[in-house]
Amino acid sequence: MFDFDSVSRLNSYIKQSLNDNPYLAEFSVVGEISQYTVSSRDHAYFSIKDDQCVINCVIFSRARSQLRIEPEIGMKVKVFGGVDFYTQGGKLQVIATRIENLGDGDLHEQFNKLFKKLQDEGLFDASKKKTIPVLPRRIGVITSGSGKVIADIVNTVRKRNPHHDILLYPASVQGAECPPEVISGLRYFNTEKNVDVIIVARGGGSYEELFCFNDEGIAREVFASEIPVISAIGHEPDYTIIDYVADVRAATPTAAGEMVIASYEDQKKEIDNLALNLDISVNQFIDSRRKALDVYKNHKALHSPAYYASEQQAVVRELRTRLEALSGRFVEQNASELNGIKVRLDALNPENVLKRGYSYVSDKEGKAVESVKAVGIGDSVRIVLSDGTLLGEIKDIEDKDDGGTEDA
């Protein structure tokens, strides 16, 4: 066994061994970009991975400026370069000299397929989103039982309002155990109905570390939840399928803690303002009623009931006078009209006509004789006067139309 007397000697030996290996001096490797950041000096630091392993890479600014592509997370690439070992940090990385695009990586392709499928089914529709309660009595959190995330959420909620409960459902937030445990947490809260809102959270991580939240089962369980769900996965740039299905997306777990509950101080100020406005309104109402009561209290009718009765009697007398005046005019007007009608009827009365010296002739049956042609010589007739009737016989007829006389 070889003895290294220091870490520096060991790291130097590793570096030298790697440099002496011709297979590692210059090679190409295929993988999917899972992290990609550019430094202030235009060096790009990234990782490539397959379904089992990850390796760190760097491409310096001179080589990067020669690239024909702009690398992106999820892109499937072929990286050309060699291995280098950074002795001070004890880190191995690939020094890339060239990067070729081979298309979208497998995980990126899976994301796009699932995204389109769920989008077409309407799981992302804004109309399906549930409203987050303003004052939840208890907040459910699905995340790792240990670590910074649950501490951040608890501290944030407690600072904003210490009078609310938080119920944790521990779940894996990375790897194969993540989807079934997160689904189990969602089902637990919906079955027990013991919280008013649910936060599903995890801290930052690489694309593949967060990929467990691009799970169809989680997405459908979030969509089916009767309790509103807030997703808080990763940091601001990180988007997973659960973010699109959830009722609200928070950029970070801390942001989820801020949006899930209103500030106690803000609520107290709002309640104080409402109480003040209510007090002002009540006092104004009481004051207006008091003024109205004073008006009624000073009315003469309250001081002397006889005054009120006298007023009412005066009103009655006035109404009676007006009614009698109207009645008199009505009777006078109608009497005049009736008198005129009586005069016209009297003028048309046959008896009155006879009294003026007129008479009428009828045959022996009583039928009025209206023409000389209606009778003949020797016919009996009746002559009616105002005071009686004369019986006669036709002796002669003078017809105006014939211009002559008919003798008996």
Protein backbone atom coordinates (compact mmCIF):
# COMPACT_ATOMS: atom_id res chain seq x y z
CA MET A 1 0.00 0.00 0.00
CA PHE A 2 1.32 3.39 -0.98
CA ASP A 3 1.36 6.02 1.73
CA PHE A 4 0.44 9.68 0.85
CA ASP A 5 1.70 12.07 3.45
CA SER A 6 -0.82 14.79 2.50
CA VAL A 7 -3.99 15.51 0.59
CA SER A 8 -1.99 17.66 -1.78
CA ARG A 9 0.23 14.70 -2.71
CA LEU A 10 -2.85 12.54 -3.33
CA ASN A 11 -4.63 15.11 -5.45
CA SER A 12 -1.48 15.79 -7.44
CA TYR A 13 -1.08 12.09 -8.10
CA ILE A 14 -4.70 11.79 -9.28
CA LYS A 15 -4.25 14.77 -11.60
CA GLN A 16 -1.06 13.36 -13.06
CA SER A 17 -2.62 9.92 -13.54
CA LEU A 18 -5.56 11.40 -15.40
CA ASN A 19 -3.30 13.52 -17.58
CA ASP A 20 -1.20 10.46 -18.45
CA ASN A 21 -4.29 8.48 -19.58
CA PRO A 22 -4.61 8.88 -23.38
CA TYR A 23 -8.31 7.97 -23.29
CA LEU A 24 -9.11 10.92 -21.05
CA ALA A 25 -6.91 13.48 -22.77
CA GLU A 26 -9.24 13.91 -25.74
CA PHE A 27 -12.69 12.35 -26.16
CA SER A 28 -16.37 13.05 -26.85
CA VAL A 29 -19.31 12.15 -24.63
CA VAL A 30 -23.08 12.30 -25.18
CA GLY A 31 -25.43 13.54 -22.47
CA GLU A 32 -28.25 15.90 -21.57
CA ILE A 33 -27.52 19.37 -20.18
CA SER A 34 -29.01 19.59 -16.69
CA GLN A 35 -27.41 22.79 -15.37
CA TYR A 36 -25.99 25.75 -17.29
CA THR A 37 -24.66 29.05 -15.91
CA VAL A 38 -22.40 31.71 -17.43
CA SER A 39 -19.91 33.58 -15.26
CA SER A 40 -19.07 37.28 -15.43
CA ARG A 41 -15.98 36.33 -17.47
CA ASP A 42 -18.17 34.46 -20.03
CA HIS A 43 -17.02 31.01 -18.94
CA ALA A 44 -19.93 28.53 -18.96
CA TYR A 45 -20.29 25.95 -16.19
CA PHE A 46 -22.69 23.10 -16.84
CA SER A 47 -23.46 19.46 -16.18
CA ILE A 48 -24.37 16.64 -18.53
CA LYS A 49 -26.13 13.48 -17.48
CA ASP A 50 -27.73 10.25 -18.56
CA ASP A 51 -30.35 8.27 -16.67
CA GLN A 52 -27.79 7.19 -14.03
CA CYS A 53 -24.84 9.56 -13.75
CA VAL A 54 -23.84 13.22 -13.93
CA ILE A 55 -20.49 14.89 -14.67
CA ASN A 56 -19.48 18.55 -14.34
CA CYS A 57 -18.14 20.46 -17.33
CA VAL A 58 -16.75 23.89 -18.15
CA ILE A 59 -16.19 25.63 -21.48
CA PHE A 60 -14.00 28.73 -21.33
CA SER A 61 -14.92 31.98 -23.02
CA ARG A 62 -12.61 31.57 -26.06
CA ALA A 63 -14.03 28.14 -26.95
CA ARG A 64 -17.56 29.26 -26.04
CA SER A 65 -17.38 32.18 -28.47
CA GLN A 66 -16.79 29.67 -31.28
CA LEU A 67 -19.96 27.67 -30.56
CA ARG A 68 -22.64 27.56 -33.26
CA ILE A 69 -25.33 26.88 -30.69
CA GLU A 70 -26.48 28.38 -27.40
CA PRO A 71 -26.62 25.45 -24.96
CA GLU A 72 -29.79 25.13 -22.91
CA ILE A 73 -30.98 22.93 -20.06
CA GLY A 74 -32.63 19.80 -21.46
CA MET A 75 -30.65 19.89 -24.70
CA LYS A 76 -29.06 16.60 -25.79
CA VAL A 77 -25.46 17.33 -26.78
CA LYS A 78 -22.13 15.80 -27.72
CA VAL A 79 -19.31 17.39 -25.72
CA PHE A 80 -15.73 17.30 -27.03
CA GLY A 81 -12.80 17.83 -24.65
CA GLY A 82 -10.70 16.21 -21.96
CA VAL A 83 -10.72 15.50 -18.23
CA ASP A 84 -9.10 17.83 -15.75
CA PHE A 85 -8.73 17.48 -11.98
CA TYR A 86 -8.76 20.62 -9.86
CA THR A 87 -6.35 19.72 -7.09
CA GLN A 88 -7.19 22.50 -4.61
CA GLY A 89 -10.90 21.73 -4.64
CA GLY A 90 -10.53 18.03 -5.34
CA LYS A 91 -13.02 18.30 -8.22
CA LEU A 92 -12.98 16.47 -11.53
CA GLN A 93 -14.54 18.11 -14.58
CA VAL A 94 -14.56 17.96 -18.33
CA ILE A 95 -12.85 20.87 -20.07
CA ALA A 96 -15.02 21.24 -23.17
CA THR A 97 -13.63 22.59 -26.42
CA ARG A 98 -16.72 22.09 -28.58
CA ILE A 99 -20.43 21.28 -28.11
CA GLU A 100 -22.78 19.87 -30.75
CA ASN A 101 -26.56 19.86 -30.47
CA LEU A 102 -28.16 16.40 -30.81
CA GLY A 103 -31.68 17.62 -30.15
CA ASP A 104 -33.80 17.74 -27.02
CA GLY A 105 -32.77 15.40 -24.24
CA ASP A 106 -34.92 12.49 -23.15
CA LEU A 107 -36.20 14.21 -20.00
CA HIS A 108 -36.99 17.38 -21.90
CA GLU A 109 -38.89 15.36 -24.47
CA GLN A 110 -40.85 13.59 -21.71
CA PHE A 111 -41.73 16.97 -20.19
CA ASN A 112 -43.01 18.35 -23.49
CA LYS A 113 -45.15 15.28 -24.21
CA LEU A 114 -46.74 15.29 -20.75
CA PHE A 115 -47.22 19.06 -20.83
CA LYS A 116 -49.13 18.91 -24.13
CA LYS A 117 -51.22 15.96 -23.00
CA LEU A 118 -52.35 17.60 -19.77
CA GLN A 119 -52.82 20.96 -21.43
CA ASP A 120 -55.11 19.41 -24.07
CA GLU A 121 -57.15 17.80 -21.26
CA GLY A 122 -57.66 21.19 -19.59
CA LEU A 123 -55.66 20.54 -16.40
CA PHE A 124 -53.95 23.94 -16.74
CA ASP A 125 -57.13 25.99 -17.37
CA ALA A 126 -57.38 29.11 -15.24
CA SER A 127 -61.13 28.56 -14.87
CA LYS A 128 -60.41 25.36 -12.91
CA LYS A 129 -58.20 27.07 -10.31
CA LYS A 130 -59.48 27.23 -6.73
CA THR A 131 -59.20 30.35 -4.59
CA ILE A 132 -56.69 30.35 -1.77
CA PRO A 133 -58.49 31.12 1.55
CA VAL A 134 -57.64 34.46 3.13
CA LEU A 135 -57.50 33.12 6.67
CA PRO A 136 -56.75 29.37 6.66
CA ARG A 137 -57.17 27.78 10.07
CA ARG A 138 -54.51 25.16 9.36
CA ILE A 139 -51.91 24.90 6.60
CA GLY A 140 -50.81 21.52 5.23
CA VAL A 141 -47.23 21.17 3.92
CA ILE A 142 -45.90 18.27 1.85
CA THR A 143 -42.10 18.29 1.79
CA SER A 144 -39.06 16.67 3.35
CA GLY A 145 -39.37 16.25 7.09
CA SER A 146 -35.87 17.63 7.59
CA GLY A 147 -34.02 20.41 5.89
CA LYS A 148 -34.28 24.09 5.14
CA VAL A 149 -37.59 24.10 3.25
CA ILE A 150 -39.96 23.26 6.11
CA ALA A 151 -38.00 25.55 8.42
CA ASP A 152 -38.32 28.45 5.96
CA ILE A 153 -42.07 27.93 5.58
CA VAL A 154 -42.68 27.63 9.33
CA ASN A 155 -40.57 30.71 10.13
CA THR A 156 -42.22 32.78 7.41
CA VAL A 157 -45.75 31.85 8.49
CA ARG A 158 -44.97 32.38 12.18
CA LYS A 159 -43.51 35.84 11.51
CA ARG A 160 -46.57 36.86 9.53
CA ASN A 161 -49.16 35.35 11.85
CA PRO A 162 -48.32 33.17 14.88
CA HIS A 163 -51.95 32.15 15.41
CA HIS A 164 -52.16 29.49 12.68
CA ASP A 165 -51.28 25.80 12.72
CA ILE A 166 -49.01 24.01 10.25
CA LEU A 167 -49.36 20.28 9.65
CA LEU A 168 -46.41 18.54 7.93
CA TYR A 169 -46.75 15.42 5.80
CA PRO A 170 -43.13 14.16 5.31
CA ALA A 171 -42.38 13.05 1.76
CA SER A 172 -39.38 12.42 -0.45
CA VAL A 173 -38.86 15.31 -2.83
CA GLN A 174 -36.34 13.64 -5.11
CA GLY A 175 -35.98 10.30 -6.85
CA ALA A 176 -38.37 7.41 -7.44
CA GLU A 177 -39.97 7.70 -3.99
CA CYS A 178 -41.09 11.28 -4.59
CA PRO A 179 -44.26 10.81 -6.74
CA PRO A 180 -45.97 8.12 -4.64
CA GLU A 181 -45.21 9.89 -1.35
CA VAL A 182 -46.40 13.30 -2.58
CA ILE A 183 -49.58 11.66 -3.94
CA SER A 184 -50.07 9.95 -0.58
CA GLY A 185 -49.81 13.32 1.19
CA LEU A 186 -52.38 14.93 -1.10
CA ARG A 187 -54.79 12.06 -0.55
CA TYR A 188 -54.27 12.17 3.21
CA PHE A 189 -55.19 15.85 3.51
CA ASN A 190 -58.19 15.49 1.20
CA THR A 191 -59.48 12.47 3.11
CA GLU A 192 -59.01 13.91 6.60
CA LYS A 193 -60.15 17.44 5.62
CA ASN A 194 -57.90 18.74 8.39
CA VAL A 195 -56.30 21.66 6.50
CA ASP A 196 -57.64 24.57 4.43
CA VAL A 197 -54.73 24.85 1.99
CA ILE A 198 -51.83 22.61 0.92
CA ILE A 199 -48.26 23.63 0.04
CA VAL A 200 -46.13 21.16 -1.96
CA ALA A 201 -42.53 22.35 -1.68
CA ARG A 202 -38.87 21.57 -2.20
CA GLY A 203 -35.75 23.71 -2.47
CA GLY A 204 -33.61 24.34 -5.52
CA GLY A 205 -31.87 21.63 -7.47
CA SER A 206 -30.80 20.47 -10.88
CA TYR A 207 -33.25 19.79 -13.67
CA GLU A 208 -33.11 16.05 -13.06
CA GLU A 209 -33.45 16.49 -9.29
CA LEU A 210 -36.69 18.42 -9.78
CA PHE A 211 -37.93 16.12 -12.53
CA CYS A 212 -39.90 13.91 -10.14
CA PHE A 213 -42.48 16.73 -9.98
CA ASN A 214 -43.03 16.34 -13.74
CA ASP A 215 -45.08 13.28 -12.86
CA GLU A 216 -48.50 12.59 -14.37
CA GLY A 217 -49.77 10.96 -11.18
CA ILE A 218 -48.88 14.01 -9.06
CA ALA A 219 -50.42 16.33 -11.65
CA ARG A 220 -53.75 14.47 -11.66
CA GLU A 221 -53.86 14.27 -7.86
CA VAL A 222 -53.28 18.02 -7.55
CA PHE A 223 -56.01 18.67 -10.12
CA ALA A 224 -58.44 16.39 -8.27
CA SER A 225 -57.71 17.96 -4.86
CA GLU A 226 -60.74 19.60 -3.25
CA ILE A 227 -58.34 21.64 -1.10
CA PRO A 228 -56.46 24.49 -2.86
CA VAL A 229 -52.83 23.62 -3.66
CA ILE A 230 -49.81 25.96 -3.79
CA SER A 231 -46.74 24.62 -5.59
CA ALA A 232 -43.32 25.85 -4.44
CA ILE A 233 -40.75 23.78 -6.30
CA GLY A 234 -37.19 25.02 -6.72
CA HIS A 235 -36.44 28.65 -7.39
CA GLU A 236 -37.88 31.37 -9.64
CA PRO A 237 -36.61 30.02 -13.03
CA ASP A 238 -37.60 26.42 -12.24
CA TYR A 239 -40.91 25.24 -13.70
CA THR A 240 -42.34 21.75 -13.34
CA ILE A 241 -45.68 20.23 -14.37
CA ILE A 242 -47.10 20.64 -10.86
CA ASP A 243 -46.62 24.43 -11.17
CA TYR A 244 -49.05 24.53 -14.10
CA VAL A 245 -51.68 22.31 -12.45
CA ALA A 246 -51.58 23.87 -8.97
CA ASP A 247 -54.05 26.61 -8.06
CA VAL A 248 -51.17 29.01 -7.34
CA ARG A 249 -47.44 28.82 -8.06
CA ALA A 250 -44.95 30.32 -5.61
CA ALA A 251 -41.46 31.17 -6.85
CA THR A 252 -39.86 29.68 -3.71
CA PRO A 253 -40.99 27.90 -0.52
CA THR A 254 -40.48 31.16 1.37
CA ALA A 255 -42.75 32.95 -1.10
CA ALA A 256 -45.37 30.26 -0.52
CA GLY A 257 -45.25 31.00 3.21
CA GLU A 258 -45.78 34.70 2.47
CA MET A 259 -48.75 34.21 0.17
CA VAL A 260 -50.56 31.52 2.16
CA ILE A 261 -51.38 33.79 5.11
CA ALA A 262 -51.91 37.51 5.45
CA SER A 263 -49.77 39.51 7.85
CA TYR A 264 -51.25 39.68 11.35
CA GLU A 265 -50.29 43.34 11.66
CA ASP A 266 -51.92 44.17 8.32
CA GLN A 267 -55.07 42.32 9.35
CA LYS A 268 -55.13 44.09 12.73
CA LYS A 269 -54.81 47.50 11.05
CA GLU A 270 -57.61 46.65 8.63
CA ILE A 271 -59.89 45.48 11.46
CA ASP A 272 -59.08 48.62 13.48
CA ASN A 273 -59.98 50.79 10.47
CA LEU A 274 -63.24 48.89 9.97
CA ALA A 275 -64.08 49.25 13.66
CA LEU A 276 -63.37 52.99 13.51
CA ASN A 277 -65.55 53.44 10.42
CA LEU A 278 -68.32 51.42 12.06
CA ASP A 279 -68.13 53.54 15.21
CA ILE A 280 -68.33 56.75 13.15
CA SER A 281 -71.31 55.44 11.16
CA VAL A 282 -73.18 54.36 14.31
CA ASN A 283 -72.60 57.73 15.98
CA GLN A 284 -73.76 59.59 12.87
CA PHE A 285 -76.92 57.46 12.72
CA ILE A 286 -77.66 58.00 16.41
CA ASP A 287 -77.07 61.75 16.05
CA SER A 288 -79.46 62.01 13.07
CA ARG A 289 -82.14 60.05 14.96
CA ARG A 290 -81.65 62.25 18.03
CA LYS A 291 -82.15 65.41 15.96
CA ALA A 292 -85.31 63.97 14.43
CA LEU A 293 -86.58 63.08 17.91
CA ASP A 294 -85.92 66.63 19.11
CA VAL A 295 -88.06 67.97 16.26
CA TYR A 296 -90.95 65.67 17.20
CA LYS A 297 -90.45 66.37 20.90
CA ASN A 298 -90.85 70.13 20.40
CA HIS A 299 -93.99 69.79 18.28
CA LYS A 300 -97.09 71.53 19.75
CA ALA A 301 -99.16 68.39 19.41
CA LEU A 302 -97.05 66.67 22.06
CA HIS A 303 -97.40 69.59 24.48
CA SER A 304 -101.22 70.00 23.99
CA PRO A 305 -103.37 67.12 22.70
CA ALA A 306 -106.23 69.62 22.32
CA TYR A 307 -104.08 71.53 19.82
CA TYR A 308 -103.74 68.45 17.65
CA ALA A 309 -107.50 67.76 17.89
CA SER A 310 -108.25 71.40 17.02
CA GLU A 311 -106.00 71.18 13.99
CA GLN A 312 -107.78 68.05 12.80
CA GLN A 313 -111.23 69.63 13.34
CA ALA A 314 -110.19 72.62 11.26
CA VAL A 315 -109.08 70.28 8.49
CA VAL A 316 -112.43 68.47 8.63
CA ARG A 317 -114.38 71.73 8.52
CA GLU A 318 -112.40 72.87 5.52
CA LEU A 319 -113.01 69.58 3.73
CA ARG A 320 -116.75 69.75 4.50
CA THR A 321 -117.00 73.34 3.18
CA ARG A 322 -115.23 72.38 0.00
CA LEU A 323 -117.48 69.33 -0.42
CA GLU A 324 -120.66 71.37 0.07
CA ALA A 325 -119.50 73.98 -2.43
CA LEU A 326 -118.72 71.30 -4.96
CA SER A 327 -122.06 69.58 -4.32
CA GLY A 328 -124.00 72.85 -4.75
CA ARG A 329 -122.30 73.61 -8.06
CA PHE A 330 -122.91 70.06 -9.21
CA VAL A 331 -126.64 70.20 -8.34
CA GLU A 332 -127.08 73.66 -9.90
CA GLN A 333 -125.36 72.62 -13.09
CA ASN A 334 -127.38 69.43 -13.41
CA ALA A 335 -130.69 71.15 -12.54
CA SER A 336 -130.17 73.59 -15.40
CA GLU A 337 -129.49 70.76 -17.80
CA LEU A 338 -132.56 68.85 -16.59
CA ASN A 339 -134.77 71.92 -17.07
CA GLY A 340 -133.61 72.32 -20.65
CA ILE A 341 -134.37 68.69 -21.38
CA LYS A 342 -137.85 69.10 -19.82
CA VAL A 343 -138.62 72.10 -22.05
CA ARG A 344 -137.61 70.14 -25.13
CA LEU A 345 -139.72 67.16 -24.06
CA ASP A 346 -142.75 69.38 -23.37
CA ALA A 347 -142.46 70.87 -26.82
CA LEU A 348 -142.52 67.41 -28.33
CA ASN A 349 -145.47 66.17 -26.20
CA PRO A 350 -148.47 65.48 -28.56
CA GLU A 351 -150.97 66.68 -25.94
CA ASN A 352 -149.30 70.06 -25.77
CA VAL A 353 -149.36 70.26 -29.57
CA LEU A 354 -153.15 69.60 -29.55
CA LYS A 355 -153.64 72.32 -26.94
CA ARG A 356 -152.22 74.80 -29.43
CA GLY A 357 -155.25 74.16 -31.74
CA TYR A 358 -153.92 71.17 -33.66
CA SER A 359 -155.73 67.82 -34.12
CA TYR A 360 -155.09 64.50 -35.81
CA VAL A 361 -157.35 62.12 -37.83
CA SER A 362 -157.54 58.33 -37.55
CA ASP A 363 -159.70 55.70 -39.20
CA LYS A 364 -162.23 53.70 -37.30
CA GLU A 365 -159.54 51.21 -36.18
CA GLY A 366 -157.49 54.08 -34.67
CA LYS A 367 -154.80 54.11 -37.33
CA ALA A 368 -153.59 57.62 -38.13
CA VAL A 369 -154.70 58.99 -41.53
CA GLU A 370 -151.58 60.48 -43.04
CA SER A 371 -152.89 61.05 -46.62
CA VAL A 372 -156.21 61.79 -48.38
CA LYS A 373 -155.54 58.70 -50.40
CA ALA A 374 -155.90 56.56 -47.29
CA VAL A 375 -159.70 57.21 -47.09
CA GLY A 376 -162.66 57.32 -49.44
CA ILE A 377 -166.08 59.02 -49.63
CA GLY A 378 -168.34 57.63 -46.90
CA ASP A 379 -165.52 56.34 -44.65
CA SER A 380 -165.88 56.95 -40.97
CA VAL A 381 -163.04 58.85 -39.27
CA ARG A 382 -162.09 60.03 -35.79
CA ILE A 383 -160.87 63.59 -35.20
CA VAL A 384 -158.84 63.84 -31.98
CA LEU A 385 -158.66 67.24 -30.23
CA SER A 386 -156.99 68.29 -26.97
CA ASP A 387 -160.21 67.85 -25.00
CA GLY A 388 -161.99 65.04 -26.84
CA THR A 389 -162.74 63.14 -30.06
CA LEU A 390 -165.16 63.93 -32.97
CA LEU A 391 -166.73 61.17 -35.10
CA GLY A 392 -167.36 62.02 -38.75
CA GLU A 393 -167.95 60.70 -42.26
CA ILE A 394 -166.03 61.71 -45.35
CA LYS A 395 -168.34 63.76 -47.61
CA ASP A 396 -165.79 65.30 -49.91
CA ILE A 397 -162.04 64.91 -50.66
CA GLU A 398 -159.76 67.65 -51.97
CA ASP A 399 -156.52 66.20 -53.36
CA LYS A 400 -153.75 68.74 -53.85
CA ASP A 401 -152.04 66.55 -56.40
CA ASP A 402 -155.22 66.19 -58.55
CA GLY A 403 -156.09 69.84 -58.17
CA GLY A 404 -159.82 68.99 -57.86
CA THR A 405 -162.65 67.79 -55.63
CA GLU A 406 -164.19 64.34 -55.29
CA ASP A 407 -167.95 64.53 -54.54
CA ALA A 408 -170.08 61.95 -52.82
